[in-house]
């Protein structure tokens, strides 16, 4: 995930989190929000 946020995206960029229940997707999502932490990077 860190390499995704470190990359200089000039257009649309999508990061998806897929996996079975209990795999830790919510934990990764929360960490992604923390890592993004910038108004110039919209999250949906």
PDB file of N, CA and C in Angstrom:
ATOM      1  N   UNK A   1       0.823  -1.169   0.000  1.00  0.00           N
ATOM      2  CA  UNK A   1       0.000   0.000   0.000  1.00  0.00           C
ATOM      3  C   UNK A   1       0.878   1.247   0.000  1.00  0.00           C
ATOM      4  N   UNK A   2       1.975   1.219   0.705  1.00  0.00           N
ATOM      5  CA  UNK A   2       2.856   2.396   0.763  1.00  0.00           C
ATOM      6  C   UNK A   2       3.338   2.770  -0.630  1.00  0.00           C
ATOM      7  N   UNK A   3       3.691   1.795  -1.446  1.00  0.00           N
ATOM      8  CA  UNK A   3       4.173   2.108  -2.799  1.00  0.00           C
ATOM      9  C   UNK A   3       3.068   2.737  -3.643  1.00  0.00           C
ATOM     10  N   UNK A   4       1.823   2.390  -3.392  1.00  0.00           N
ATOM     11  CA  UNK A   4       0.703   3.002  -4.118  1.00  0.00           C
ATOM     12  C   UNK A   4       0.640   4.493  -3.804  1.00  0.00           C
ATOM     13  N   UNK A   5       0.751   4.861  -2.535  1.00  0.00           N
ATOM     14  CA  UNK A   5       0.661   6.266  -2.140  1.00  0.00           C
ATOM     15  C   UNK A   5       1.934   7.044  -2.447  1.00  0.00           C
ATOM     16  N   UNK A   6       3.062   6.355  -2.536  1.00  0.00           N
ATOM     17  CA  UNK A   6       4.322   7.016  -2.869  1.00  0.00           C
ATOM     18  C   UNK A   6       4.419   7.350  -4.351  1.00  0.00           C
ATOM     19  N   UNK A   7       3.675   6.635  -5.179  1.00  0.00           N
ATOM     20  CA  UNK A   7       3.711   6.846  -6.626  1.00  0.00           C
ATOM     21  C   UNK A   7       3.046   8.178  -6.973  1.00  0.00           C
ATOM     22  N   UNK A   8       3.596   8.889  -7.939  1.00  0.00           N
ATOM     23  CA  UNK A   8       3.036  10.169  -8.378  1.00  0.00           C
ATOM     24  C   UNK A   8       1.953   9.907  -9.426  1.00  0.00           C
ATOM     25  N   UNK A   9       0.702   9.857  -9.002  1.00  0.00           N
ATOM     26  CA  UNK A   9      -0.415   9.606  -9.908  1.00  0.00           C
ATOM     27  C   UNK A   9      -0.825  10.916 -10.573  1.00  0.00           C
ATOM     28  N   UNK A  10      -0.795  10.931 -11.898  1.00  0.00           N
ATOM     29  CA  UNK A  10      -1.202  12.139 -12.611  1.00  0.00           C
ATOM     30  C   UNK A  10      -2.644  12.049 -13.089  1.00  0.00           C
ATOM     31  N   UNK A  11      -3.220  10.887 -13.047  1.00  0.00           N
ATOM     32  CA  UNK A  11      -4.607  10.703 -13.455  1.00  0.00           C
ATOM     33  C   UNK A  11      -5.341   9.884 -12.408  1.00  0.00           C
ATOM     34  N   UNK A  12      -6.353   9.207 -12.849  1.00  0.00           N
ATOM     35  CA  UNK A  12      -7.142   8.361 -11.968  1.00  0.00           C
ATOM     36  C   UNK A  12      -6.323   7.160 -11.507  1.00  0.00           C
ATOM     37  N   UNK A  13      -6.372   6.866 -10.242  1.00  0.00           N
ATOM     38  CA  UNK A  13      -5.693   5.703  -9.688  1.00  0.00           C
ATOM     39  C   UNK A  13      -6.659   4.991  -8.750  1.00  0.00           C
ATOM     40  N   UNK A  14      -6.666   3.684  -8.825  1.00  0.00           N
ATOM     41  CA  UNK A  14      -7.596   2.896  -8.019  1.00  0.00           C
ATOM     42  C   UNK A  14      -6.821   1.824  -7.259  1.00  0.00           C
ATOM     43  N   UNK A  15      -7.115   1.724  -5.997  1.00  0.00           N
ATOM     44  CA  UNK A  15      -6.569   0.664  -5.160  1.00  0.00           C
ATOM     45  C   UNK A  15      -7.755  -0.101  -4.605  1.00  0.00           C
ATOM     46  N   UNK A  16      -7.832  -1.381  -4.876  1.00  0.00           N
ATOM     47  CA  UNK A  16      -8.935  -2.180  -4.349  1.00  0.00           C
ATOM     48  C   UNK A  16      -8.400  -3.153  -3.302  1.00  0.00           C
ATOM     49  N   UNK A  17      -9.237  -3.416  -2.337  1.00  0.00           N
ATOM     50  CA  UNK A  17      -8.903  -4.378  -1.298  1.00  0.00           C
ATOM     51  C   UNK A  17      -9.897  -5.527  -1.392  1.00  0.00           C
ATOM     52  N   UNK A  18      -9.398  -6.688  -1.761  1.00  0.00           N
ATOM     53  CA  UNK A  18     -10.250  -7.858  -1.935  1.00  0.00           C
ATOM     54  C   UNK A  18      -9.760  -8.974  -1.026  1.00  0.00           C
ATOM     55  N   UNK A  19     -10.694  -9.768  -0.549  1.00  0.00           N
ATOM     56  CA  UNK A  19     -10.329 -10.909   0.270  1.00  0.00           C
ATOM     57  C   UNK A  19     -11.521 -11.414   1.061  1.00  0.00           C
ATOM     58  N   UNK A  20     -11.376 -12.572   1.631  1.00  0.00           N
ATOM     59  CA  UNK A  20     -12.472 -13.155   2.408  1.00  0.00           C
ATOM     60  C   UNK A  20     -12.673 -12.408   3.722  1.00  0.00           C
ATOM     61  N   UNK A  21     -13.808 -12.666   4.329  1.00  0.00           N
ATOM     62  CA  UNK A  21     -14.106 -12.077   5.638  1.00  0.00           C
ATOM     63  C   UNK A  21     -13.001 -12.437   6.621  1.00  0.00           C
ATOM     64  N   UNK A  22     -12.586 -11.458   7.394  1.00  0.00           N
ATOM     65  CA  UNK A  22     -11.564 -11.702   8.404  1.00  0.00           C
ATOM     66  C   UNK A  22     -10.138 -11.591   7.900  1.00  0.00           C
ATOM     67  N   UNK A  23      -9.957 -11.193   6.630  1.00  0.00           N
ATOM     68  CA  UNK A  23      -8.611 -11.116   6.050  1.00  0.00           C
ATOM     69  C   UNK A  23      -7.882  -9.828   6.421  1.00  0.00           C
ATOM     70  N   UNK A  24      -8.590  -8.847   6.990  1.00  0.00           N
ATOM     71  CA  UNK A  24      -7.946  -7.610   7.407  1.00  0.00           C
ATOM     72  C   UNK A  24      -8.159  -6.431   6.471  1.00  0.00           C
ATOM     73  N   UNK A  25      -9.188  -6.493   5.625  1.00  0.00           N
ATOM     74  CA  UNK A  25      -9.454  -5.406   4.671  1.00  0.00           C
ATOM     75  C   UNK A  25      -9.751  -4.084   5.378  1.00  0.00           C
ATOM     76  N   UNK A  26     -10.521  -4.123   6.443  1.00  0.00           N
ATOM     77  CA  UNK A  26     -10.860  -2.887   7.157  1.00  0.00           C
ATOM     78  C   UNK A  26      -9.610  -2.274   7.772  1.00  0.00           C
ATOM     79  N   UNK A  27      -8.746  -3.087   8.317  1.00  0.00           N
ATOM     80  CA  UNK A  27      -7.494  -2.594   8.887  1.00  0.00           C
ATOM     81  C   UNK A  27      -6.648  -1.939   7.807  1.00  0.00           C
ATOM     82  N   UNK A  28      -6.549  -2.567   6.648  1.00  0.00           N
ATOM     83  CA  UNK A  28      -5.788  -1.983   5.539  1.00  0.00           C
ATOM     84  C   UNK A  28      -6.429  -0.694   5.047  1.00  0.00           C
ATOM     85  N   UNK A  29      -7.753  -0.656   4.980  1.00  0.00           N
ATOM     86  CA  UNK A  29      -8.461   0.554   4.542  1.00  0.00           C
ATOM     87  C   UNK A  29      -8.153   1.721   5.489  1.00  0.00           C
ATOM     88  N   UNK A  30      -8.241   1.463   6.771  1.00  0.00           N
ATOM     89  CA  UNK A  30      -7.963   2.514   7.763  1.00  0.00           C
ATOM     90  C   UNK A  30      -6.519   3.000   7.664  1.00  0.00           C
ATOM     91  N   UNK A  31      -5.599   2.096   7.452  1.00  0.00           N
ATOM     92  CA  UNK A  31      -4.200   2.479   7.294  1.00  0.00           C
ATOM     93  C   UNK A  31      -4.009   3.290   6.015  1.00  0.00           C
ATOM     94  N   UNK A  32      -4.717   2.927   4.958  1.00  0.00           N
ATOM     95  CA  UNK A  32      -4.653   3.686   3.713  1.00  0.00           C
ATOM     96  C   UNK A  32      -5.140   5.109   3.896  1.00  0.00           C
ATOM     97  N   UNK A  33      -6.206   5.282   4.644  1.00  0.00           N
ATOM     98  CA  UNK A  33      -6.718   6.627   4.928  1.00  0.00           C
ATOM     99  C   UNK A  33      -5.679   7.419   5.714  1.00  0.00           C
ATOM    100  N   UNK A  34      -5.056   6.776   6.688  1.00  0.00           N
ATOM    101  CA  UNK A  34      -4.027   7.438   7.479  1.00  0.00           C
ATOM    102  C   UNK A  34      -2.832   7.821   6.608  1.00  0.00           C
ATOM    103  N   UNK A  35      -2.420   6.920   5.719  1.00  0.00           N
ATOM    104  CA  UNK A  35      -1.259   7.169   4.860  1.00  0.00           C
ATOM    105  C   UNK A  35      -1.543   8.259   3.850  1.00  0.00           C
ATOM    106  N   UNK A  36      -2.750   8.298   3.320  1.00  0.00           N
ATOM    107  CA  UNK A  36      -3.091   9.313   2.326  1.00  0.00           C
ATOM    108  C   UNK A  36      -3.047  10.675   2.987  1.00  0.00           C
ATOM    109  N   UNK A  37      -3.797  10.855   4.050  1.00  0.00           N
ATOM    110  CA  UNK A  37      -3.756  12.023   4.896  1.00  0.00           C
ATOM    111  C   UNK A  37      -3.511  13.368   4.240  1.00  0.00           C
ATOM    112  N   UNK A  38      -4.000  13.578   3.040  1.00  0.00           N
ATOM    113  CA  UNK A  38      -3.784  14.838   2.351  1.00  0.00           C
ATOM    114  C   UNK A  38      -5.051  15.272   1.637  1.00  0.00           C
ATOM    115  N   UNK A  39      -5.400  16.543   1.697  1.00  0.00           N
ATOM    116  CA  UNK A  39      -6.601  17.035   1.010  1.00  0.00           C
ATOM    117  C   UNK A  39      -6.511  16.902  -0.510  1.00  0.00           C
ATOM    118  N   UNK A  40      -5.300  16.825  -1.060  1.00  0.00           N
ATOM    119  CA  UNK A  40      -5.154  16.734  -2.508  1.00  0.00           C
ATOM    120  C   UNK A  40      -5.384  15.325  -3.039  1.00  0.00           C
ATOM    121  N   UNK A  41      -5.569  14.363  -2.154  1.00  0.00           N
ATOM    122  CA  UNK A  41      -5.797  12.981  -2.559  1.00  0.00           C
ATOM    123  C   UNK A  41      -7.177  12.546  -2.095  1.00  0.00           C
ATOM    124  N   UNK A  42      -8.188  12.671  -2.970  1.00  0.00           N
ATOM    125  CA  UNK A  42      -9.542  12.295  -2.555  1.00  0.00           C
ATOM    126  C   UNK A  42      -9.694  10.783  -2.393  1.00  0.00           C
ATOM    127  N   UNK A  43     -10.438  10.402  -1.393  1.00  0.00           N
ATOM    128  CA  UNK A  43     -10.741   8.996  -1.131  1.00  0.00           C
ATOM    129  C   UNK A  43     -12.227   8.775  -1.270  1.00  0.00           C
ATOM    130  N   UNK A  44     -12.570   7.675  -1.865  1.00  0.00           N
ATOM    131  CA  UNK A  44     -13.989   7.341  -2.020  1.00  0.00           C
ATOM    132  C   UNK A  44     -14.223   5.944  -1.510  1.00  0.00           C
TER     133      UNK A  44
END
